[in-house]
Amino acid sequence: MRTMMMAAALVLSACATTANGADKPRVMLETDAGRMVLELDLERAPLTVCNFLSYVTDGDYAGGSFFRTVVRATNDNPNPIDVIQAATPRGADDTLRPPVPLERTRDTGLSHVAGAVSMARDGPDTATSSFFIVTHDTPALDFGGGRNPDGQGFGVFGRVVEGLDVARRIQMSPADAGEQLTPPVMIRTATLIGEVPPECRP
């Protein structure tokens, strides 16, 4: 009986680990404003996660920055948002790798809630390396939302599990009339915690 109870406890423990996301890849961002840890949803947004990890593991974000802030209260748009946007040193239109297909929130079941990590883009299927962090719930960025005229939304692929306060501090940093941070907040390092998932290996 005792053995059965111990086995049941181990099963419950394993389930709890999965439910808490302990098996999901994580990336630590060290910035001039502090540390953030991003948990990536490989199961629901595999193409976007593997694309992001390819930039991380090659060191492409080191020396990049959070360069843009959008604050709902001052955003001159019918669909205001709360985000900070990052890029590699090559900028938001980084062409080092091919763009990644848009994994729509309609299909993934993810949404742009506070702490969501998502890909910046122009048209559908154009995202490369530039990503953004949502600081407050912003459904206008989801599929069918009005922020992008095409209504396709943006591709959420993870969430901030440590350092949302850092993201919010960056959001409220000085910026010019074009929403560009002055100065940008530098990304010192972006490091994968653990190994590259098998699904993302060549």
N, C-alpha and C. Protein backbone atom coordinates (compact mmCIF):
# COMPACT_ATOMS: atom_id res chain seq x y z
N MET A 1 0.84 -1.21 0.00
CA MET A 1 0.00 0.00 0.00
C MET A 1 0.87 1.26 0.00
N ARG A 2 1.92 1.19 0.83
CA ARG A 2 2.82 2.34 0.92
C ARG A 2 3.50 2.60 -0.42
N THR A 3 3.89 1.49 -1.09
CA THR A 3 4.54 1.62 -2.40
C THR A 3 3.61 2.27 -3.41
N MET A 4 2.34 1.88 -3.40
CA MET A 4 1.36 2.46 -4.32
C MET A 4 1.17 3.94 -4.05
N MET A 5 1.15 4.31 -2.76
CA MET A 5 0.99 5.73 -2.40
C MET A 5 2.18 6.55 -2.87
N MET A 6 3.39 5.97 -2.72
CA MET A 6 4.59 6.68 -3.16
C MET A 6 4.59 6.85 -4.67
N ALA A 7 4.16 5.80 -5.39
CA ALA A 7 4.09 5.88 -6.85
C ALA A 7 3.11 6.94 -7.28
N ALA A 8 1.96 6.99 -6.62
CA ALA A 8 0.94 8.00 -6.94
C ALA A 8 1.47 9.40 -6.69
N ALA A 9 2.24 9.54 -5.60
CA ALA A 9 2.81 10.85 -5.27
C ALA A 9 3.80 11.29 -6.34
N LEU A 10 4.60 10.32 -6.85
CA LEU A 10 5.55 10.66 -7.90
C LEU A 10 4.86 11.09 -9.18
N VAL A 11 3.76 10.40 -9.53
CA VAL A 11 2.99 10.78 -10.72
C VAL A 11 2.42 12.17 -10.57
N LEU A 12 1.86 12.46 -9.40
CA LEU A 12 1.29 13.79 -9.15
C LEU A 12 2.37 14.85 -9.22
N SER A 13 3.55 14.52 -8.68
CA SER A 13 4.65 15.47 -8.72
C SER A 13 5.07 15.76 -10.15
N ALA A 14 5.14 14.72 -10.98
CA ALA A 14 5.51 14.91 -12.38
C ALA A 14 4.49 15.77 -13.11
N CYS A 15 3.21 15.52 -12.83
CA CYS A 15 2.14 16.32 -13.45
C CYS A 15 2.24 17.77 -13.03
N ALA A 16 2.54 18.00 -11.75
CA ALA A 16 2.65 19.36 -11.25
C ALA A 16 3.81 20.08 -11.92
N THR A 17 4.94 19.34 -12.14
CA THR A 17 6.09 19.94 -12.81
C THR A 17 5.73 20.39 -14.21
N THR A 18 5.00 19.52 -14.94
CA THR A 18 4.57 19.87 -16.30
C THR A 18 3.63 21.06 -16.28
N ALA A 19 2.66 21.04 -15.34
CA ALA A 19 1.68 22.12 -15.27
C ALA A 19 2.34 23.45 -14.94
N ASN A 20 3.42 23.41 -14.14
CA ASN A 20 4.09 24.64 -13.75
C ASN A 20 5.06 25.13 -14.81
N GLY A 21 5.20 24.35 -15.90
CA GLY A 21 6.03 24.81 -16.99
C GLY A 21 7.51 24.57 -16.79
N ALA A 22 7.87 23.71 -15.81
CA ALA A 22 9.29 23.50 -15.53
C ALA A 22 10.02 22.86 -16.70
N ASP A 23 9.28 22.22 -17.61
CA ASP A 23 9.91 21.56 -18.75
C ASP A 23 10.03 22.48 -19.96
N LYS A 24 9.57 23.71 -19.84
CA LYS A 24 9.62 24.65 -20.97
C LYS A 24 10.97 25.35 -21.00
N PRO A 25 11.52 25.61 -22.20
CA PRO A 25 12.79 26.33 -22.27
C PRO A 25 12.66 27.73 -21.71
N ARG A 26 13.75 28.18 -21.09
CA ARG A 26 13.79 29.53 -20.52
C ARG A 26 15.02 30.28 -21.01
N VAL A 27 14.86 31.57 -21.18
CA VAL A 27 15.96 32.44 -21.60
C VAL A 27 16.09 33.57 -20.60
N MET A 28 17.32 33.81 -20.16
CA MET A 28 17.58 34.90 -19.23
C MET A 28 18.16 36.09 -19.99
N LEU A 29 17.51 37.24 -19.84
CA LEU A 29 17.98 38.49 -20.43
C LEU A 29 18.61 39.34 -19.33
N GLU A 30 19.86 39.70 -19.50
CA GLU A 30 20.51 40.65 -18.60
C GLU A 30 20.56 41.99 -19.32
N THR A 31 19.86 42.98 -18.77
CA THR A 31 19.82 44.29 -19.40
C THR A 31 20.38 45.35 -18.46
N ASP A 32 20.59 46.54 -18.97
CA ASP A 32 21.06 47.64 -18.12
C ASP A 32 20.02 48.04 -17.07
N ALA A 33 18.77 47.59 -17.27
CA ALA A 33 17.71 47.92 -16.31
C ALA A 33 17.44 46.77 -15.33
N GLY A 34 18.09 45.62 -15.54
CA GLY A 34 17.86 44.48 -14.67
C GLY A 34 17.65 43.19 -15.45
N ARG A 35 17.34 42.14 -14.72
CA ARG A 35 17.22 40.80 -15.29
C ARG A 35 15.76 40.44 -15.55
N MET A 36 15.54 39.76 -16.69
CA MET A 36 14.24 39.16 -16.98
C MET A 36 14.45 37.72 -17.40
N VAL A 37 13.52 36.85 -17.03
CA VAL A 37 13.56 35.46 -17.47
C VAL A 37 12.30 35.19 -18.28
N LEU A 38 12.49 34.68 -19.49
CA LEU A 38 11.38 34.39 -20.39
C LEU A 38 11.18 32.87 -20.46
N GLU A 39 9.94 32.44 -20.29
CA GLU A 39 9.59 31.03 -20.47
C GLU A 39 8.91 30.88 -21.82
N LEU A 40 9.40 29.96 -22.64
CA LEU A 40 8.95 29.84 -24.03
C LEU A 40 8.01 28.65 -24.20
N ASP A 41 6.94 28.87 -24.96
CA ASP A 41 5.93 27.83 -25.14
C ASP A 41 6.20 27.05 -26.43
N LEU A 42 7.14 26.10 -26.32
CA LEU A 42 7.54 25.31 -27.48
C LEU A 42 6.40 24.47 -28.02
N GLU A 43 5.53 24.00 -27.15
CA GLU A 43 4.44 23.13 -27.59
C GLU A 43 3.44 23.87 -28.47
N ARG A 44 3.11 25.10 -28.09
CA ARG A 44 2.06 25.81 -28.81
C ARG A 44 2.58 26.76 -29.89
N ALA A 45 3.82 27.16 -29.80
CA ALA A 45 4.40 28.06 -30.81
C ALA A 45 5.79 27.58 -31.21
N PRO A 46 5.89 26.37 -31.74
CA PRO A 46 7.22 25.76 -31.99
C PRO A 46 8.08 26.50 -33.01
N LEU A 47 7.48 26.99 -34.08
CA LEU A 47 8.27 27.67 -35.11
C LEU A 47 8.89 28.95 -34.57
N THR A 48 8.09 29.69 -33.83
CA THR A 48 8.55 30.97 -33.29
C THR A 48 9.60 30.75 -32.20
N VAL A 49 9.36 29.77 -31.33
CA VAL A 49 10.32 29.49 -30.26
C VAL A 49 11.67 29.06 -30.85
N CYS A 50 11.66 28.15 -31.79
CA CYS A 50 12.93 27.68 -32.37
C CYS A 50 13.64 28.81 -33.11
N ASN A 51 12.89 29.67 -33.77
CA ASN A 51 13.48 30.83 -34.44
C ASN A 51 14.16 31.73 -33.41
N PHE A 52 13.45 32.04 -32.33
CA PHE A 52 13.98 32.91 -31.28
C PHE A 52 15.24 32.29 -30.67
N LEU A 53 15.19 30.99 -30.38
CA LEU A 53 16.34 30.33 -29.76
C LEU A 53 17.55 30.32 -30.68
N SER A 54 17.33 30.31 -31.99
CA SER A 54 18.47 30.33 -32.90
C SER A 54 19.25 31.64 -32.76
N TYR A 55 18.54 32.74 -32.56
CA TYR A 55 19.21 34.02 -32.32
C TYR A 55 19.88 34.05 -30.95
N VAL A 56 19.20 33.50 -29.95
CA VAL A 56 19.75 33.49 -28.59
C VAL A 56 21.04 32.69 -28.55
N THR A 57 21.01 31.46 -29.05
CA THR A 57 22.18 30.59 -28.92
C THR A 57 23.36 31.04 -29.78
N ASP A 58 23.10 31.82 -30.80
CA ASP A 58 24.19 32.38 -31.61
C ASP A 58 24.72 33.71 -31.05
N GLY A 59 24.12 34.17 -29.94
CA GLY A 59 24.59 35.40 -29.30
C GLY A 59 24.16 36.68 -30.00
N ASP A 60 23.12 36.58 -30.81
CA ASP A 60 22.73 37.73 -31.63
C ASP A 60 22.09 38.88 -30.84
N TYR A 61 21.53 38.59 -29.67
CA TYR A 61 20.89 39.68 -28.91
C TYR A 61 21.89 40.44 -28.04
N ALA A 62 23.04 39.87 -27.77
CA ALA A 62 24.06 40.56 -26.97
C ALA A 62 24.47 41.85 -27.68
N GLY A 63 24.39 42.94 -26.97
CA GLY A 63 24.69 44.23 -27.58
C GLY A 63 23.51 44.86 -28.29
N GLY A 64 22.38 44.14 -28.32
CA GLY A 64 21.14 44.72 -28.85
C GLY A 64 20.49 45.58 -27.78
N SER A 65 19.23 45.87 -27.96
CA SER A 65 18.60 46.77 -26.99
C SER A 65 17.09 46.69 -27.03
N PHE A 66 16.48 47.14 -25.95
CA PHE A 66 15.08 47.55 -25.97
C PHE A 66 15.11 49.00 -26.42
N PHE A 67 14.57 49.23 -27.60
CA PHE A 67 14.73 50.55 -28.23
C PHE A 67 13.42 51.33 -28.32
N ARG A 68 12.30 50.65 -28.09
CA ARG A 68 11.01 51.31 -28.29
C ARG A 68 10.09 51.04 -27.11
N THR A 69 9.31 52.04 -26.73
CA THR A 69 8.31 51.87 -25.70
C THR A 69 6.99 52.47 -26.19
N VAL A 70 5.90 51.76 -25.92
CA VAL A 70 4.58 52.28 -26.26
C VAL A 70 3.75 52.24 -24.97
N VAL A 71 3.21 53.37 -24.61
CA VAL A 71 2.44 53.51 -23.37
C VAL A 71 0.99 53.84 -23.73
N ARG A 72 0.08 53.01 -23.29
CA ARG A 72 -1.33 53.16 -23.63
C ARG A 72 -1.84 54.58 -23.38
N ALA A 73 -1.46 55.15 -22.26
CA ALA A 73 -2.01 56.45 -21.86
C ALA A 73 -1.62 57.57 -22.83
N THR A 74 -0.51 57.39 -23.54
CA THR A 74 -0.06 58.44 -24.44
C THR A 74 0.01 57.98 -25.90
N ASN A 75 -0.47 56.78 -26.16
CA ASN A 75 -0.38 56.21 -27.51
C ASN A 75 -1.49 56.77 -28.40
N ASP A 76 -1.10 57.50 -29.44
CA ASP A 76 -2.06 58.13 -30.34
C ASP A 76 -2.50 57.13 -31.40
N ASN A 77 -3.35 56.17 -30.99
CA ASN A 77 -3.82 55.13 -31.89
C ASN A 77 -5.20 54.69 -31.39
N PRO A 78 -6.13 54.36 -32.29
CA PRO A 78 -7.45 53.90 -31.85
C PRO A 78 -7.38 52.62 -31.03
N ASN A 79 -6.29 51.88 -31.16
CA ASN A 79 -6.09 50.64 -30.41
C ASN A 79 -4.77 50.74 -29.65
N PRO A 80 -4.73 51.50 -28.56
CA PRO A 80 -3.48 51.72 -27.82
C PRO A 80 -2.96 50.43 -27.18
N ILE A 81 -1.65 50.37 -26.99
CA ILE A 81 -1.02 49.18 -26.44
C ILE A 81 0.02 49.56 -25.39
N ASP A 82 0.46 48.56 -24.62
CA ASP A 82 1.51 48.74 -23.62
C ASP A 82 2.59 47.70 -23.88
N VAL A 83 3.69 48.10 -24.54
CA VAL A 83 4.75 47.15 -24.87
C VAL A 83 6.11 47.83 -24.85
N ILE A 84 7.15 47.00 -24.74
CA ILE A 84 8.51 47.44 -25.03
C ILE A 84 9.06 46.51 -26.11
N GLN A 85 9.81 47.06 -27.04
CA GLN A 85 10.29 46.28 -28.19
C GLN A 85 11.81 46.20 -28.20
N ALA A 86 12.33 45.01 -28.54
CA ALA A 86 13.77 44.78 -28.55
C ALA A 86 14.24 44.37 -29.94
N ALA A 87 15.53 44.51 -30.17
CA ALA A 87 16.13 44.10 -31.45
C ALA A 87 17.58 43.74 -31.24
N THR A 88 18.15 43.03 -32.20
CA THR A 88 19.58 42.75 -32.21
C THR A 88 20.33 44.04 -32.56
N PRO A 89 21.66 44.02 -32.48
CA PRO A 89 22.42 45.21 -32.89
C PRO A 89 22.19 45.58 -34.36
N ARG A 90 21.69 44.62 -35.15
CA ARG A 90 21.43 44.89 -36.57
C ARG A 90 20.12 45.63 -36.79
N GLY A 91 19.32 45.77 -35.74
CA GLY A 91 18.08 46.52 -35.84
C GLY A 91 16.85 45.65 -35.99
N ALA A 92 15.69 46.30 -36.02
CA ALA A 92 14.41 45.60 -36.05
C ALA A 92 14.17 44.87 -37.37
N ASP A 93 14.81 45.32 -38.43
CA ASP A 93 14.63 44.67 -39.74
C ASP A 93 15.80 43.74 -40.04
N ASP A 94 16.18 42.95 -39.04
CA ASP A 94 17.30 42.02 -39.15
C ASP A 94 17.00 40.98 -40.24
N THR A 95 17.89 40.85 -41.20
CA THR A 95 17.67 39.91 -42.30
C THR A 95 18.68 38.76 -42.28
N LEU A 96 19.30 38.52 -41.13
CA LEU A 96 20.30 37.46 -41.05
C LEU A 96 19.70 36.09 -41.36
N ARG A 97 18.45 35.87 -40.93
CA ARG A 97 17.77 34.60 -41.17
C ARG A 97 16.43 34.86 -41.87
N PRO A 98 15.88 33.85 -42.52
CA PRO A 98 14.57 34.04 -43.16
C PRO A 98 13.50 34.34 -42.12
N PRO A 99 12.44 35.03 -42.52
CA PRO A 99 11.34 35.31 -41.59
C PRO A 99 10.62 34.03 -41.18
N VAL A 100 9.96 34.11 -40.03
CA VAL A 100 9.26 32.95 -39.48
C VAL A 100 7.76 33.06 -39.78
N PRO A 101 7.09 31.97 -40.11
CA PRO A 101 5.64 32.02 -40.32
C PRO A 101 4.92 32.51 -39.06
N LEU A 102 3.87 33.26 -39.26
CA LEU A 102 3.09 33.80 -38.14
C LEU A 102 2.26 32.69 -37.50
N GLU A 103 2.50 32.44 -36.22
CA GLU A 103 1.70 31.49 -35.45
C GLU A 103 0.63 32.30 -34.71
N ARG A 104 -0.54 32.36 -35.31
CA ARG A 104 -1.60 33.25 -34.84
C ARG A 104 -2.17 32.80 -33.50
N THR A 105 -2.56 33.78 -32.69
CA THR A 105 -3.13 33.45 -31.37
C THR A 105 -4.43 32.66 -31.53
N ARG A 106 -5.10 32.81 -32.65
CA ARG A 106 -6.29 32.02 -32.95
C ARG A 106 -5.96 30.53 -32.92
N ASP A 107 -4.76 30.20 -33.37
CA ASP A 107 -4.36 28.80 -33.50
C ASP A 107 -3.61 28.28 -32.28
N THR A 108 -2.84 29.15 -31.63
CA THR A 108 -2.02 28.70 -30.50
C THR A 108 -2.78 28.70 -29.18
N GLY A 109 -3.82 29.54 -29.09
CA GLY A 109 -4.53 29.66 -27.83
C GLY A 109 -3.84 30.59 -26.85
N LEU A 110 -2.72 31.18 -27.25
CA LEU A 110 -2.01 32.14 -26.40
C LEU A 110 -2.63 33.52 -26.61
N SER A 111 -2.33 34.44 -25.72
CA SER A 111 -2.88 35.79 -25.86
C SER A 111 -1.93 36.82 -25.29
N HIS A 112 -2.17 38.05 -25.64
CA HIS A 112 -1.30 39.15 -25.24
C HIS A 112 -1.72 39.71 -23.87
N VAL A 113 -1.52 38.88 -22.87
CA VAL A 113 -1.77 39.31 -21.49
C VAL A 113 -0.48 39.91 -20.94
N ALA A 114 -0.56 40.52 -19.76
CA ALA A 114 0.64 41.11 -19.15
C ALA A 114 1.73 40.06 -19.02
N GLY A 115 2.92 40.39 -19.51
CA GLY A 115 4.05 39.49 -19.45
C GLY A 115 4.25 38.67 -20.70
N ALA A 116 3.30 38.70 -21.64
CA ALA A 116 3.45 37.91 -22.88
C ALA A 116 4.66 38.40 -23.68
N VAL A 117 5.34 37.45 -24.32
CA VAL A 117 6.45 37.76 -25.21
C VAL A 117 6.00 37.41 -26.63
N SER A 118 6.15 38.34 -27.56
CA SER A 118 5.58 38.18 -28.89
C SER A 118 6.52 38.75 -29.94
N MET A 119 6.29 38.39 -31.19
CA MET A 119 7.15 38.83 -32.28
C MET A 119 6.63 40.09 -32.96
N ALA A 120 7.53 41.02 -33.19
CA ALA A 120 7.19 42.20 -33.98
C ALA A 120 7.17 41.81 -35.46
N ARG A 121 6.33 42.48 -36.23
CA ARG A 121 6.25 42.16 -37.66
C ARG A 121 5.64 43.33 -38.41
N ASP A 122 5.73 43.26 -39.74
CA ASP A 122 4.97 44.15 -40.62
C ASP A 122 3.80 43.33 -41.15
N GLY A 123 3.95 42.73 -42.33
CA GLY A 123 2.91 41.84 -42.83
C GLY A 123 3.00 40.47 -42.17
N PRO A 124 2.01 39.60 -42.42
CA PRO A 124 2.09 38.23 -41.91
C PRO A 124 3.35 37.53 -42.44
N ASP A 125 3.93 36.68 -41.63
CA ASP A 125 5.09 35.87 -42.03
C ASP A 125 6.32 36.72 -42.34
N THR A 126 6.49 37.83 -41.64
CA THR A 126 7.66 38.69 -41.87
C THR A 126 8.54 38.85 -40.63
N ALA A 127 8.16 38.28 -39.50
CA ALA A 127 8.94 38.46 -38.27
C ALA A 127 10.30 37.78 -38.40
N THR A 128 11.33 38.42 -37.85
CA THR A 128 12.66 37.82 -37.84
C THR A 128 13.17 37.72 -36.40
N SER A 129 13.81 38.77 -35.90
CA SER A 129 14.41 38.70 -34.56
C SER A 129 13.81 39.67 -33.56
N SER A 130 13.15 40.71 -34.03
CA SER A 130 12.63 41.73 -33.12
C SER A 130 11.41 41.21 -32.37
N PHE A 131 11.44 41.32 -31.05
CA PHE A 131 10.35 40.84 -30.22
C PHE A 131 9.90 41.93 -29.26
N PHE A 132 8.74 41.72 -28.66
CA PHE A 132 8.26 42.70 -27.68
C PHE A 132 7.65 42.01 -26.48
N ILE A 133 7.63 42.74 -25.38
CA ILE A 133 7.05 42.27 -24.13
C ILE A 133 5.85 43.14 -23.80
N VAL A 134 4.74 42.50 -23.50
CA VAL A 134 3.50 43.19 -23.15
C VAL A 134 3.52 43.47 -21.64
N THR A 135 3.34 44.71 -21.26
CA THR A 135 3.42 45.06 -19.83
C THR A 135 2.05 45.06 -19.14
N HIS A 136 0.98 45.20 -19.90
CA HIS A 136 -0.38 45.14 -19.37
C HIS A 136 -1.26 44.45 -20.43
N ASP A 137 -2.32 43.79 -20.01
CA ASP A 137 -3.17 43.06 -20.95
C ASP A 137 -3.52 43.93 -22.16
N THR A 138 -3.29 43.41 -23.35
CA THR A 138 -3.50 44.17 -24.58
C THR A 138 -4.12 43.28 -25.65
N PRO A 139 -5.43 43.00 -25.56
CA PRO A 139 -6.08 42.10 -26.52
C PRO A 139 -6.09 42.62 -27.95
N ALA A 140 -5.85 43.91 -28.16
CA ALA A 140 -5.82 44.45 -29.52
C ALA A 140 -4.70 43.84 -30.35
N LEU A 141 -3.74 43.16 -29.70
CA LEU A 141 -2.64 42.53 -30.42
C LEU A 141 -2.94 41.09 -30.82
N ASP A 142 -4.05 40.54 -30.32
CA ASP A 142 -4.44 39.17 -30.64
C ASP A 142 -5.05 39.09 -32.04
N PHE A 143 -5.21 37.86 -32.55
CA PHE A 143 -5.89 37.66 -33.82
C PHE A 143 -7.28 38.30 -33.75
N GLY A 144 -7.62 39.07 -34.78
CA GLY A 144 -8.90 39.78 -34.81
C GLY A 144 -8.85 41.12 -34.12
N GLY A 145 -7.75 41.42 -33.44
CA GLY A 145 -7.61 42.71 -32.79
C GLY A 145 -7.31 43.81 -33.79
N GLY A 146 -7.49 45.03 -33.37
CA GLY A 146 -7.40 46.14 -34.31
C GLY A 146 -6.06 46.81 -34.43
N ARG A 147 -5.05 46.34 -33.69
CA ARG A 147 -3.78 47.06 -33.72
C ARG A 147 -3.12 47.01 -35.10
N ASN A 148 -3.12 45.84 -35.73
CA ASN A 148 -2.59 45.74 -37.09
C ASN A 148 -3.77 45.71 -38.06
N PRO A 149 -3.75 46.55 -39.08
CA PRO A 149 -4.89 46.63 -40.00
C PRO A 149 -5.29 45.29 -40.65
N ASP A 150 -4.34 44.34 -40.75
CA ASP A 150 -4.70 43.07 -41.39
C ASP A 150 -5.48 42.14 -40.46
N GLY A 151 -5.57 42.48 -39.19
CA GLY A 151 -6.38 41.69 -38.25
C GLY A 151 -5.81 40.35 -37.87
N GLN A 152 -4.57 40.06 -38.31
CA GLN A 152 -3.98 38.74 -38.05
C GLN A 152 -3.30 38.65 -36.68
N GLY A 153 -3.14 39.77 -36.03
CA GLY A 153 -2.51 39.77 -34.72
C GLY A 153 -1.02 39.48 -34.80
N PHE A 154 -0.45 39.23 -33.63
CA PHE A 154 0.98 38.98 -33.52
C PHE A 154 1.20 37.63 -32.84
N GLY A 155 2.42 37.09 -33.00
CA GLY A 155 2.70 35.73 -32.56
C GLY A 155 3.29 35.64 -31.17
N VAL A 156 2.43 35.41 -30.16
CA VAL A 156 2.91 35.17 -28.80
C VAL A 156 3.65 33.84 -28.76
N PHE A 157 4.79 33.81 -28.08
CA PHE A 157 5.53 32.55 -27.98
C PHE A 157 6.09 32.28 -26.59
N GLY A 158 5.75 33.13 -25.63
CA GLY A 158 6.24 32.91 -24.27
C GLY A 158 5.72 33.95 -23.32
N ARG A 159 6.31 33.94 -22.11
CA ARG A 159 5.89 34.89 -21.09
C ARG A 159 7.05 35.19 -20.15
N VAL A 160 6.99 36.34 -19.53
CA VAL A 160 7.98 36.73 -18.53
C VAL A 160 7.63 36.05 -17.21
N VAL A 161 8.55 35.26 -16.68
CA VAL A 161 8.30 34.60 -15.40
C VAL A 161 9.11 35.24 -14.27
N GLU A 162 10.04 36.10 -14.64
CA GLU A 162 10.80 36.87 -13.65
C GLU A 162 11.16 38.21 -14.28
N GLY A 163 10.88 39.30 -13.58
CA GLY A 163 11.33 40.60 -14.06
C GLY A 163 10.30 41.41 -14.82
N LEU A 164 9.01 41.12 -14.63
CA LEU A 164 8.00 41.97 -15.28
C LEU A 164 8.12 43.41 -14.78
N ASP A 165 8.54 43.56 -13.53
CA ASP A 165 8.77 44.91 -12.99
C ASP A 165 9.88 45.61 -13.76
N VAL A 166 10.86 44.86 -14.23
CA VAL A 166 11.94 45.44 -15.03
C VAL A 166 11.38 45.92 -16.37
N ALA A 167 10.53 45.10 -16.99
CA ALA A 167 9.91 45.49 -18.26
C ALA A 167 9.09 46.76 -18.10
N ARG A 168 8.35 46.84 -17.00
CA ARG A 168 7.52 48.03 -16.76
C ARG A 168 8.38 49.26 -16.48
N ARG A 169 9.51 49.05 -15.85
CA ARG A 169 10.43 50.16 -15.61
C ARG A 169 11.01 50.67 -16.92
N ILE A 170 11.37 49.74 -17.80
CA ILE A 170 11.87 50.13 -19.12
C ILE A 170 10.79 50.91 -19.88
N GLN A 171 9.55 50.43 -19.79
CA GLN A 171 8.46 51.08 -20.51
C GLN A 171 8.31 52.55 -20.11
N MET A 172 8.56 52.85 -18.86
CA MET A 172 8.37 54.22 -18.38
C MET A 172 9.66 55.06 -18.46
N SER A 173 10.69 54.52 -19.10
CA SER A 173 11.94 55.28 -19.28
C SER A 173 11.73 56.41 -20.29
N PRO A 174 12.60 57.41 -20.29
CA PRO A 174 12.45 58.54 -21.23
C PRO A 174 12.43 58.09 -22.68
N ALA A 175 11.56 58.72 -23.46
CA ALA A 175 11.43 58.40 -24.88
C ALA A 175 11.10 59.67 -25.65
N ASP A 176 11.39 59.64 -26.95
CA ASP A 176 11.08 60.81 -27.78
C ASP A 176 9.68 60.69 -28.37
N ALA A 177 9.32 61.65 -29.21
CA ALA A 177 7.97 61.67 -29.78
C ALA A 177 7.71 60.49 -30.70
N GLY A 178 8.76 59.83 -31.16
CA GLY A 178 8.60 58.67 -32.03
C GLY A 178 8.61 57.35 -31.28
N GLU A 179 8.46 57.41 -29.96
CA GLU A 179 8.40 56.23 -29.09
C GLU A 179 9.73 55.51 -28.98
N GLN A 180 10.82 56.18 -29.35
CA GLN A 180 12.15 55.59 -29.24
C GLN A 180 12.74 55.92 -27.87
N LEU A 181 13.21 54.92 -27.17
CA LEU A 181 13.81 55.14 -25.86
C LEU A 181 15.09 55.96 -25.99
N THR A 182 15.24 56.92 -25.06
CA THR A 182 16.40 57.82 -25.12
C THR A 182 17.11 57.85 -23.76
N PRO A 183 18.16 57.06 -23.60
CA PRO A 183 18.77 56.16 -24.59
C PRO A 183 18.08 54.79 -24.58
N PRO A 184 18.39 53.95 -25.56
CA PRO A 184 17.89 52.58 -25.52
C PRO A 184 18.44 51.84 -24.30
N VAL A 185 17.72 50.82 -23.87
CA VAL A 185 18.19 50.00 -22.74
C VAL A 185 18.92 48.79 -23.32
N MET A 186 20.20 48.71 -23.04
CA MET A 186 21.04 47.70 -23.67
C MET A 186 20.76 46.30 -23.12
N ILE A 187 20.82 45.31 -24.02
CA ILE A 187 20.78 43.91 -23.64
C ILE A 187 22.22 43.43 -23.56
N ARG A 188 22.68 43.11 -22.35
CA ARG A 188 24.06 42.65 -22.19
C ARG A 188 24.22 41.23 -22.71
N THR A 189 23.33 40.35 -22.26
CA THR A 189 23.38 38.96 -22.69
C THR A 189 21.96 38.40 -22.77
N ALA A 190 21.80 37.41 -23.63
CA ALA A 190 20.57 36.61 -23.69
C ALA A 190 21.03 35.16 -23.68
N THR A 191 20.68 34.42 -22.63
CA THR A 191 21.25 33.09 -22.42
C THR A 191 20.15 32.05 -22.25
N LEU A 192 20.25 30.97 -22.99
CA LEU A 192 19.35 29.84 -22.81
C LEU A 192 19.73 29.11 -21.54
N ILE A 193 18.75 28.88 -20.67
CA ILE A 193 19.00 28.13 -19.44
C ILE A 193 18.79 26.64 -19.77
N GLY A 194 19.87 25.89 -19.80
CA GLY A 194 19.77 24.48 -20.16
C GLY A 194 20.15 24.23 -21.60
N GLU A 195 19.66 23.12 -22.13
CA GLU A 195 20.03 22.68 -23.47
C GLU A 195 19.00 23.12 -24.52
N VAL A 196 19.44 23.20 -25.76
CA VAL A 196 18.52 23.46 -26.86
C VAL A 196 17.56 22.27 -26.98
N PRO A 197 16.26 22.53 -27.01
CA PRO A 197 15.31 21.41 -27.13
C PRO A 197 15.56 20.62 -28.42
N PRO A 198 15.36 19.31 -28.38
CA PRO A 198 15.58 18.49 -29.58
C PRO A 198 14.80 18.99 -30.79
N GLU A 199 13.59 19.52 -30.56
CA GLU A 199 12.76 20.01 -31.66
C GLU A 199 13.40 21.17 -32.40
N CYS A 200 14.34 21.87 -31.74
CA CYS A 200 14.96 23.06 -32.34
C CYS A 200 16.36 22.80 -32.87
N ARG A 201 16.80 21.55 -32.80
CA ARG A 201 18.14 21.23 -33.30
C ARG A 201 18.10 20.94 -34.78
N PRO A 202 19.16 21.29 -35.50
CA PRO A 202 19.21 21.04 -36.95
C PRO A 202 19.08 19.57 -37.28
